[in-house]
PDB file of N, CA and C in Angstrom:
ATOM      1  N   MET A   1      28.599  -6.056  16.219  1.00  0.00           N
ATOM      2  CA  MET A   1      27.743  -4.922  15.922  1.00  0.00           C
ATOM      3  C   MET A   1      26.327  -5.255  16.377  1.00  0.00           C
ATOM      4  N   GLN A   2      25.646  -4.276  16.958  1.00  0.00           N
ATOM      5  CA  GLN A   2      24.264  -4.414  17.399  1.00  0.00           C
ATOM      6  C   GLN A   2      23.374  -3.524  16.551  1.00  0.00           C
ATOM      7  N   THR A   3      22.148  -3.959  16.342  1.00  0.00           N
ATOM      8  CA  THR A   3      21.157  -3.164  15.632  1.00  0.00           C
ATOM      9  C   THR A   3      20.084  -2.751  16.620  1.00  0.00           C
ATOM     10  N   VAL A   4      19.793  -1.451  16.625  1.00  0.00           N
ATOM     11  CA  VAL A   4      18.798  -0.901  17.543  1.00  0.00           C
ATOM     12  C   VAL A   4      17.829  -0.062  16.725  1.00  0.00           C
ATOM     13  N   VAL A   5      16.548  -0.220  16.983  1.00  0.00           N
ATOM     14  CA  VAL A   5      15.525   0.590  16.322  1.00  0.00           C
ATOM     15  C   VAL A   5      15.088   1.674  17.297  1.00  0.00           C
ATOM     16  N   ILE A   6      15.078   2.924  16.829  1.00  0.00           N
ATOM     17  CA  ILE A   6      14.680   4.038  17.693  1.00  0.00           C
ATOM     18  C   ILE A   6      13.567   4.832  17.018  1.00  0.00           C
ATOM     19  N   ASP A   7      12.772   5.499  17.823  1.00  0.00           N
ATOM     20  CA  ASP A   7      11.744   6.409  17.328  1.00  0.00           C
ATOM     21  C   ASP A   7      12.219   7.828  17.599  1.00  0.00           C
ATOM     22  N   ILE A   8      12.257   8.650  16.572  1.00  0.00           N
ATOM     23  CA  ILE A   8      12.679  10.041  16.704  1.00  0.00           C
ATOM     24  C   ILE A   8      11.492  10.859  17.209  1.00  0.00           C
ATOM     25  N   ILE A   9      11.640  11.461  18.364  1.00  0.00           N
ATOM     26  CA  ILE A   9      10.582  12.281  18.947  1.00  0.00           C
ATOM     27  C   ILE A   9      10.804  13.751  18.619  1.00  0.00           C
ATOM     28  N   ASN A  10      12.052  14.163  18.576  1.00  0.00           N
ATOM     29  CA  ASN A  10      12.402  15.553  18.319  1.00  0.00           C
ATOM     30  C   ASN A  10      13.410  15.580  17.171  1.00  0.00           C
ATOM     31  N   ASN A  11      13.222  16.498  16.236  1.00  0.00           N
ATOM     32  CA  ASN A  11      14.112  16.580  15.068  1.00  0.00           C
ATOM     33  C   ASN A  11      15.554  16.910  15.431  1.00  0.00           C
ATOM     34  N   LYS A  12      15.784  17.456  16.625  1.00  0.00           N
ATOM     35  CA  LYS A  12      17.151  17.738  17.057  1.00  0.00           C
ATOM     36  C   LYS A  12      17.954  16.445  17.204  1.00  0.00           C
ATOM     37  N   ALA A  13      17.252  15.353  17.463  1.00  0.00           N
ATOM     38  CA  ALA A  13      17.927  14.068  17.621  1.00  0.00           C
ATOM     39  C   ALA A  13      18.559  13.606  16.311  1.00  0.00           C
ATOM     40  N   ILE A  14      17.957  13.985  15.196  1.00  0.00           N
ATOM     41  CA  ILE A  14      18.521  13.599  13.898  1.00  0.00           C
ATOM     42  C   ILE A  14      19.897  14.225  13.720  1.00  0.00           C
ATOM     43  N   LYS A  15      20.022  15.490  14.094  1.00  0.00           N
ATOM     44  CA  LYS A  15      21.322  16.174  13.994  1.00  0.00           C
ATOM     45  C   LYS A  15      22.352  15.484  14.882  1.00  0.00           C
ATOM     46  N   LEU A  16      21.949  15.106  16.080  1.00  0.00           N
ATOM     47  CA  LEU A  16      22.868  14.409  16.981  1.00  0.00           C
ATOM     48  C   LEU A  16      23.315  13.071  16.390  1.00  0.00           C
ATOM     49  N   LEU A  17      22.376  12.357  15.807  1.00  0.00           N
ATOM     50  CA  LEU A  17      22.719  11.076  15.187  1.00  0.00           C
ATOM     51  C   LEU A  17      23.661  11.266  14.001  1.00  0.00           C
ATOM     52  N   GLN A  18      23.429  12.319  13.225  1.00  0.00           N
ATOM     53  CA  GLN A  18      24.315  12.603  12.094  1.00  0.00           C
ATOM     54  C   GLN A  18      25.725  12.931  12.584  1.00  0.00           C
ATOM     55  N   ASP A  19      25.820  13.661  13.692  1.00  0.00           N
ATOM     56  CA  ASP A  19      27.137  13.971  14.261  1.00  0.00           C
ATOM     57  C   ASP A  19      27.852  12.695  14.726  1.00  0.00           C
ATOM     58  N   LEU A  20      27.108  11.793  15.348  1.00  0.00           N
ATOM     59  CA  LEU A  20      27.708  10.521  15.759  1.00  0.00           C
ATOM     60  C   LEU A  20      28.151   9.695  14.552  1.00  0.00           C
ATOM     61  N   GLU A  21      27.420   9.808  13.485  1.00  0.00           N
ATOM     62  CA  GLU A  21      27.795   9.087  12.266  1.00  0.00           C
ATOM     63  C   GLU A  21      29.076   9.669  11.670  1.00  0.00           C
ATOM     64  N   LEU A  22      29.218  10.997  11.719  1.00  0.00           N
ATOM     65  CA  LEU A  22      30.437  11.642  11.221  1.00  0.00           C
ATOM     66  C   LEU A  22      31.659  11.221  12.038  1.00  0.00           C
ATOM     67  N   LEU A  23      31.453  10.965  13.306  1.00  0.00           N
ATOM     68  CA  LEU A  23      32.542  10.502  14.169  1.00  0.00           C
ATOM     69  C   LEU A  23      32.804   8.999  14.004  1.00  0.00           C
ATOM     70  N   GLN A  24      32.031   8.385  13.094  1.00  0.00           N
ATOM     71  CA  GLN A  24      32.124   6.958  12.803  1.00  0.00           C
ATOM     72  C   GLN A  24      31.867   6.105  14.048  1.00  0.00           C
ATOM     73  N   LEU A  25      30.949   6.573  14.867  1.00  0.00           N
ATOM     74  CA  LEU A  25      30.536   5.816  16.037  1.00  0.00           C
ATOM     75  C   LEU A  25      29.299   4.967  15.736  1.00  0.00           C
ATOM     76  N   ILE A  26      28.457   5.461  14.843  1.00  0.00           N
ATOM     77  CA  ILE A  26      27.258   4.734  14.446  1.00  0.00           C
ATOM     78  C   ILE A  26      27.072   4.850  12.936  1.00  0.00           C
ATOM     79  N   ARG A  27      26.179   4.029  12.401  1.00  0.00           N
ATOM     80  CA  ARG A  27      25.797   4.143  10.989  1.00  0.00           C
ATOM     81  C   ARG A  27      24.276   4.262  10.973  1.00  0.00           C
ATOM     82  N   VAL A  28      23.778   5.300  10.311  1.00  0.00           N
ATOM     83  CA  VAL A  28      22.345   5.546  10.239  1.00  0.00           C
ATOM     84  C   VAL A  28      21.840   4.986   8.910  1.00  0.00           C
ATOM     85  N   ARG A  29      20.836   4.122   9.009  1.00  0.00           N
ATOM     86  CA  ARG A  29      20.205   3.563   7.810  1.00  0.00           C
ATOM     87  C   ARG A  29      18.717   3.817   7.888  1.00  0.00           C
ATOM     88  N   LYS A  30      18.149   4.190   6.771  1.00  0.00           N
ATOM     89  CA  LYS A  30      16.701   4.359   6.725  1.00  0.00           C
ATOM     90  C   LYS A  30      16.094   3.001   6.442  1.00  0.00           C
ATOM     91  N   GLU A  31      15.104   2.649   7.249  1.00  0.00           N
ATOM     92  CA  GLU A  31      14.452   1.361   7.117  1.00  0.00           C
ATOM     93  C   GLU A  31      13.406   1.423   6.004  1.00  0.00           C
ATOM     94  N   LYS A  32      13.417   0.417   5.157  1.00  0.00           N
ATOM     95  CA  LYS A  32      12.409   0.338   4.106  1.00  0.00           C
ATOM     96  C   LYS A  32      11.086  -0.065   4.730  1.00  0.00           C
ATOM     97  N   GLN A  33       9.990   0.411   4.108  1.00  0.00           N
ATOM     98  CA  GLN A  33       8.671   0.036   4.617  1.00  0.00           C
ATOM     99  C   GLN A  33       8.460  -1.438   4.320  1.00  0.00           C
ATOM    100  N   SER A  34       8.125  -2.167   5.350  1.00  0.00           N
ATOM    101  CA  SER A  34       7.948  -3.603   5.184  1.00  0.00           C
ATOM    102  C   SER A  34       6.626  -3.904   4.495  1.00  0.00           C
ATOM    103  N   GLN A  35       6.557  -5.053   3.874  1.00  0.00           N
ATOM    104  CA  GLN A  35       5.342  -5.466   3.184  1.00  0.00           C
ATOM    105  C   GLN A  35       4.184  -5.643   4.154  1.00  0.00           C
ATOM    106  N   ALA A  36       4.487  -6.022   5.392  1.00  0.00           N
ATOM    107  CA  ALA A  36       3.433  -6.245   6.373  1.00  0.00           C
ATOM    108  C   ALA A  36       2.746  -4.934   6.762  1.00  0.00           C
ATOM    109  N   ASP A  37       3.472  -3.808   6.689  1.00  0.00           N
ATOM    110  CA  ASP A  37       2.901  -2.520   7.071  1.00  0.00           C
ATOM    111  C   ASP A  37       1.990  -1.946   5.993  1.00  0.00           C
ATOM    112  N   SER A  38       2.264  -2.272   4.730  1.00  0.00           N
ATOM    113  CA  SER A  38       1.450  -1.730   3.658  1.00  0.00           C
ATOM    114  C   SER A  38       0.166  -2.547   3.526  1.00  0.00           C
ATOM    115  N   VAL A  39      -0.914  -1.859   3.189  1.00  0.00           N
ATOM    116  CA  VAL A  39      -2.218  -2.504   3.094  1.00  0.00           C
ATOM    117  C   VAL A  39      -2.598  -2.624   1.628  1.00  0.00           C
ATOM    118  N   ASP A  40      -3.040  -3.788   1.232  1.00  0.00           N
ATOM    119  CA  ASP A  40      -3.525  -4.017  -0.122  1.00  0.00           C
ATOM    120  C   ASP A  40      -5.006  -3.654  -0.156  1.00  0.00           C
ATOM    121  N   TRP A  41      -5.296  -2.364  -0.382  1.00  0.00           N
ATOM    122  CA  TRP A  41      -6.677  -1.889  -0.326  1.00  0.00           C
ATOM    123  C   TRP A  41      -7.529  -2.531  -1.412  1.00  0.00           C
ATOM    124  N   GLU A  42      -6.978  -2.689  -2.589  1.00  0.00           N
ATOM    125  CA  GLU A  42      -7.759  -3.270  -3.685  1.00  0.00           C
ATOM    126  C   GLU A  42      -8.153  -4.707  -3.355  1.00  0.00           C
ATOM    127  N   GLY A  43      -7.196  -5.478  -2.873  1.00  0.00           N
ATOM    128  CA  GLY A  43      -7.478  -6.858  -2.519  1.00  0.00           C
ATOM    129  C   GLY A  43      -8.414  -6.972  -1.328  1.00  0.00           C
ATOM    130  N   LYS A  44      -8.294  -6.017  -0.406  1.00  0.00           N
ATOM    131  CA  LYS A  44      -9.111  -6.059   0.804  1.00  0.00           C
ATOM    132  C   LYS A  44     -10.588  -5.812   0.502  1.00  0.00           C
ATOM    133  N   TYR A  45     -10.862  -4.872  -0.411  1.00  0.00           N
ATOM    134  CA  TYR A  45     -12.249  -4.484  -0.666  1.00  0.00           C
ATOM    135  C   TYR A  45     -12.771  -4.946  -2.022  1.00  0.00           C
ATOM    136  N   LYS A  46     -11.995  -5.697  -2.771  1.00  0.00           N
ATOM    137  CA  LYS A  46     -12.432  -6.161  -4.080  1.00  0.00           C
ATOM    138  C   LYS A  46     -13.639  -7.078  -3.907  1.00  0.00           C
ATOM    139  N   GLY A  47     -14.686  -6.771  -4.623  1.00  0.00           N
ATOM    140  CA  GLY A  47     -15.901  -7.570  -4.542  1.00  0.00           C
ATOM    141  C   GLY A  47     -16.802  -7.196  -3.389  1.00  0.00           C
ATOM    142  N   ALA A  48     -16.456  -6.173  -2.625  1.00  0.00           N
ATOM    143  CA  ALA A  48     -17.277  -5.774  -1.483  1.00  0.00           C
ATOM    144  C   ALA A  48     -18.574  -5.113  -1.941  1.00  0.00           C
ATOM    145  N   MET A  49     -18.548  -4.498  -3.107  1.00  0.00           N
ATOM    146  CA  MET A  49     -19.752  -3.856  -3.637  1.00  0.00           C
ATOM    147  C   MET A  49     -20.116  -4.515  -4.961  1.00  0.00           C
ATOM    148  N   THR A  50     -21.400  -4.700  -5.157  1.00  0.00           N
ATOM    149  CA  THR A  50     -21.850  -5.274  -6.419  1.00  0.00           C
ATOM    150  C   THR A  50     -22.145  -4.140  -7.390  1.00  0.00           C
ATOM    151  N   LYS A  51     -22.061  -4.455  -8.675  1.00  0.00           N
ATOM    152  CA  LYS A  51     -22.357  -3.448  -9.695  1.00  0.00           C
ATOM    153  C   LYS A  51     -23.851  -3.178  -9.701  1.00  0.00           C
ATOM    154  N   GLN A  52     -24.199  -1.864  -9.799  1.00  0.00           N
ATOM    155  CA  GLN A  52     -25.596  -1.453  -9.813  1.00  0.00           C
ATOM    156  C   GLN A  52     -25.802  -0.483 -10.963  1.00  0.00           C
ATOM    157  N   PRO A  53     -27.007  -0.425 -11.487  1.00  0.00           N
ATOM    158  CA  PRO A  53     -27.289   0.580 -12.514  1.00  0.00           C
ATOM    159  C   PRO A  53     -27.189   1.983 -11.921  1.00  0.00           C
ATOM    160  N   LEU A  54     -26.796   2.942 -12.746  1.00  0.00           N
ATOM    161  CA  LEU A  54     -26.622   4.322 -12.272  1.00  0.00           C
ATOM    162  C   LEU A  54     -27.908   4.905 -11.710  1.00  0.00           C
ATOM    163  N   THR A  55     -29.034   4.555 -12.298  1.00  0.00           N
ATOM    164  CA  THR A  55     -30.302   5.101 -11.797  1.00  0.00           C
ATOM    165  C   THR A  55     -30.564   4.627 -10.371  1.00  0.00           C
ATOM    166  N   GLU A  56     -30.223   3.384 -10.079  1.00  0.00           N
ATOM    167  CA  GLU A  56     -30.416   2.859  -8.726  1.00  0.00           C
ATOM    168  C   GLU A  56     -29.511   3.570  -7.726  1.00  0.00           C
ATOM    169  N   ILE A  57     -28.275   3.833  -8.144  1.00  0.00           N
ATOM    170  CA  ILE A  57     -27.334   4.560  -7.282  1.00  0.00           C
ATOM    171  C   ILE A  57     -27.830   5.977  -7.043  1.00  0.00           C
ATOM    172  N   ASP A  58     -28.309   6.643  -8.106  1.00  0.00           N
ATOM    173  CA  ASP A  58     -28.842   7.996  -7.953  1.00  0.00           C
ATOM    174  C   ASP A  58     -30.028   8.017  -6.993  1.00  0.00           C
ATOM    175  N   ASN A  59     -30.908   7.030  -7.108  1.00  0.00           N
ATOM    176  CA  ASN A  59     -32.067   6.962  -6.209  1.00  0.00           C
ATOM    177  C   ASN A  59     -31.620   6.790  -4.759  1.00  0.00           C
ATOM    178  N   GLN A  60     -30.646   5.926  -4.522  1.00  0.00           N
ATOM    179  CA  GLN A  60     -30.144   5.717  -3.167  1.00  0.00           C
ATOM    180  C   GLN A  60     -29.520   6.987  -2.603  1.00  0.00           C
ATOM    181  N   LEU A  61     -28.737   7.692  -3.439  1.00  0.00           N
ATOM    182  CA  LEU A  61     -28.122   8.946  -2.988  1.00  0.00           C
ATOM    183  C   LEU A  61     -29.181   9.988  -2.659  1.00  0.00           C
ATOM    184  N   ASN A  62     -30.189  10.090  -3.497  1.00  0.00           N
ATOM    185  CA  ASN A  62     -31.258  11.060  -3.239  1.00  0.00           C
ATOM    186  C   ASN A  62     -31.998  10.729  -1.949  1.00  0.00           C
ATOM    187  N   GLU A  63     -32.242   9.451  -1.689  1.00  0.00           N
ATOM    188  CA  GLU A  63     -32.885   9.046  -0.437  1.00  0.00           C
ATOM    189  C   GLU A  63     -32.034   9.435   0.765  1.00  0.00           C
ATOM    190  N   LEU A  64     -30.729   9.197   0.667  1.00  0.00           N
ATOM    191  CA  LEU A  64     -29.840   9.558   1.773  1.00  0.00           C
ATOM    192  C   LEU A  64     -29.829  11.063   2.009  1.00  0.00           C
ATOM    193  N   ARG A  65     -29.778  11.828   0.926  1.00  0.00           N
ATOM    194  CA  ARG A  65     -29.753  13.281   1.056  1.00  0.00           C
ATOM    195  C   ARG A  65     -31.050  13.790   1.661  1.00  0.00           C
ATOM    196  N   ASN A  66     -32.186  13.204   1.263  1.00  0.00           N
ATOM    197  CA  ASN A  66     -33.480  13.653   1.777  1.00  0.00           C
ATOM    198  C   ASN A  66     -33.645  13.334   3.251  1.00  0.00           C
ATOM    199  N   GLU A  67     -32.981  12.292   3.726  1.00  0.00           N
ATOM    200  CA  GLU A  67     -33.073  11.958   5.145  1.00  0.00           C
ATOM    201  C   GLU A  67     -32.471  13.051   6.015  1.00  0.00           C
ATOM    202  N   TRP A  68     -31.508  13.781   5.498  1.00  0.00           N
ATOM    203  CA  TRP A  68     -30.838  14.825   6.282  1.00  0.00           C
ATOM    204  C   TRP A  68     -31.656  16.115   6.311  1.00  0.00           C
ATOM    205  N   GLU A  69     -32.603  16.238   5.420  1.00  0.00           N
ATOM    206  CA  GLU A  69     -33.396  17.481   5.353  1.00  0.00           C
ATOM    207  C   GLU A  69     -34.596  17.426   6.238  1.00  0.00           C
TER     208      GLU A  69
END
């Protein structure tokens, strides 16, 4: 048995693959998302920003908004 990975370009191909599976010529399996493909966003950006008082954040936002005016 050989394993082949294909990319579906047109949804009509899914119907064709299902027909081949009914004829017991192939077996269609859905691939699980690998751990390498998923991104750990929390771990990636944890500690990227320091805690600031709300007044300081408000002042920064107001400065940014005023720059656009």
